[in-house]
Amino acid sequence: GDLLPADGVLIQGNDLKIDESSLTGESDHVKKSLDRDPMLLSGTHVMEGSGRMVVTAVGVNSQTGIIFTLLGAGGEEEEKEKEKEK
């Protein structure tokens, strides 16, 4: 039931099954392996197995962050970044 905090690519896995319902709406667990569907997305839950990944995106750059930004939920973070640039 661990929550993935970042997007990444699976580099080592052992019978890894992920619940991607928070992003896709599908209730079926998705089996992940090195040669078949190695992408792991933030906001999803590990349901079975174990694995290691290389992080590719965090925060507003992750798939979950992009979705929140498109929905307008990430507006506060964008404003903070704009203020830092000034």
Protein backbone atom coordinates (compact mmCIF):
# COMPACT_ATOMS: atom_id res chain seq x y z
CA GLY A 1 0.00 0.00 0.00
CA ASP A 2 2.96 2.39 -0.34
CA LEU A 3 2.20 5.62 -2.19
CA LEU A 4 4.63 6.49 -4.99
CA PRO A 5 5.84 10.07 -4.39
CA ALA A 6 7.36 10.61 -7.85
CA ASP A 7 7.27 9.45 -11.48
CA GLY A 8 9.95 7.01 -12.49
CA VAL A 9 11.16 4.07 -14.56
CA LEU A 10 11.30 0.61 -13.03
CA ILE A 11 14.85 -0.77 -12.98
CA GLN A 12 14.30 -3.79 -10.72
CA GLY A 13 11.06 -5.48 -9.81
CA ASN A 14 9.64 -8.58 -8.17
CA ASP A 15 5.98 -9.37 -9.00
CA LEU A 16 5.10 -5.66 -8.83
CA LYS A 17 1.43 -4.70 -9.10
CA ILE A 18 0.29 -1.08 -8.98
CA ASP A 19 -3.14 0.44 -8.31
CA GLU A 20 -3.42 3.28 -10.85
CA SER A 21 -7.11 3.99 -10.16
CA SER A 22 -6.33 7.47 -8.82
CA LEU A 23 -5.13 8.46 -12.32
CA THR A 24 -7.01 6.18 -14.72
CA GLY A 25 -10.18 5.29 -12.83
CA GLU A 26 -9.63 1.58 -13.54
CA SER A 27 -9.85 -0.62 -10.47
CA ASP A 28 -7.66 -3.45 -11.86
CA HIS A 29 -4.09 -3.65 -10.60
CA VAL A 30 -1.47 -3.16 -13.32
CA LYS A 31 1.46 -5.58 -13.45
CA LYS A 32 4.75 -3.77 -14.01
CA SER A 33 7.94 -5.32 -15.35
CA LEU A 34 11.17 -4.20 -17.00
CA ASP A 35 10.12 -5.30 -20.49
CA ARG A 36 6.38 -4.56 -20.20
CA ASP A 37 5.10 -1.20 -18.92
CA PRO A 38 8.06 -0.04 -16.75
CA MET A 39 6.66 3.48 -16.05
CA LEU A 40 5.62 4.21 -12.47
CA LEU A 41 3.50 7.28 -11.77
CA SER A 42 3.23 9.45 -8.68
CA GLY A 43 0.02 9.19 -6.70
CA THR A 44 -0.38 5.47 -7.41
CA HIS A 45 -0.17 2.71 -4.81
CA VAL A 46 1.97 -0.44 -4.70
CA MET A 47 -0.39 -3.35 -4.03
CA GLU A 48 1.94 -6.35 -4.37
CA GLY A 49 5.62 -7.05 -4.81
CA SER A 50 8.60 -4.76 -4.63
CA GLY A 51 10.85 -2.79 -6.92
CA ARG A 52 13.33 0.00 -7.49
CA MET A 53 12.96 2.92 -9.84
CA VAL A 54 14.90 5.83 -11.23
CA VAL A 55 12.99 9.05 -10.51
CA THR A 56 12.20 11.06 -13.64
CA ALA A 57 9.85 13.78 -12.33
CA VAL A 58 8.62 15.23 -9.04
CA GLY A 59 6.12 17.86 -7.92
CA VAL A 60 4.43 19.91 -10.62
CA ASN A 61 6.51 18.15 -13.30
CA SER A 62 5.09 14.71 -12.46
CA GLN A 63 1.97 13.35 -14.17
CA THR A 64 -0.11 14.02 -11.05
CA GLY A 65 1.31 17.54 -10.83
CA ILE A 66 0.50 18.21 -14.48
CA ILE A 67 -3.09 17.03 -13.96
CA PHE A 68 -3.50 19.24 -10.87
CA THR A 69 -2.07 22.20 -12.76
CA LEU A 70 -4.47 21.65 -15.67
CA LEU A 71 -7.36 21.47 -13.22
CA GLY A 72 -6.25 24.69 -11.56
CA ALA A 73 -5.28 23.07 -8.27
CA GLY A 74 -1.62 23.92 -8.77
CA GLY A 75 -2.17 27.65 -9.13
CA GLU A 76 -0.64 28.46 -5.75
CA GLU A 77 2.63 26.69 -6.59
CA GLU A 78 2.86 28.45 -9.95
CA GLU A 79 2.40 31.83 -8.25
CA LYS A 80 5.19 31.04 -5.78
CA GLU A 81 7.53 30.09 -8.65
CA LYS A 82 6.72 33.33 -10.50
CA GLU A 83 7.48 35.36 -7.37
CA LYS A 84 10.84 33.60 -6.99
CA GLU A 85 11.76 34.46 -10.59
CA LYS A 86 11.21 38.19 -9.90
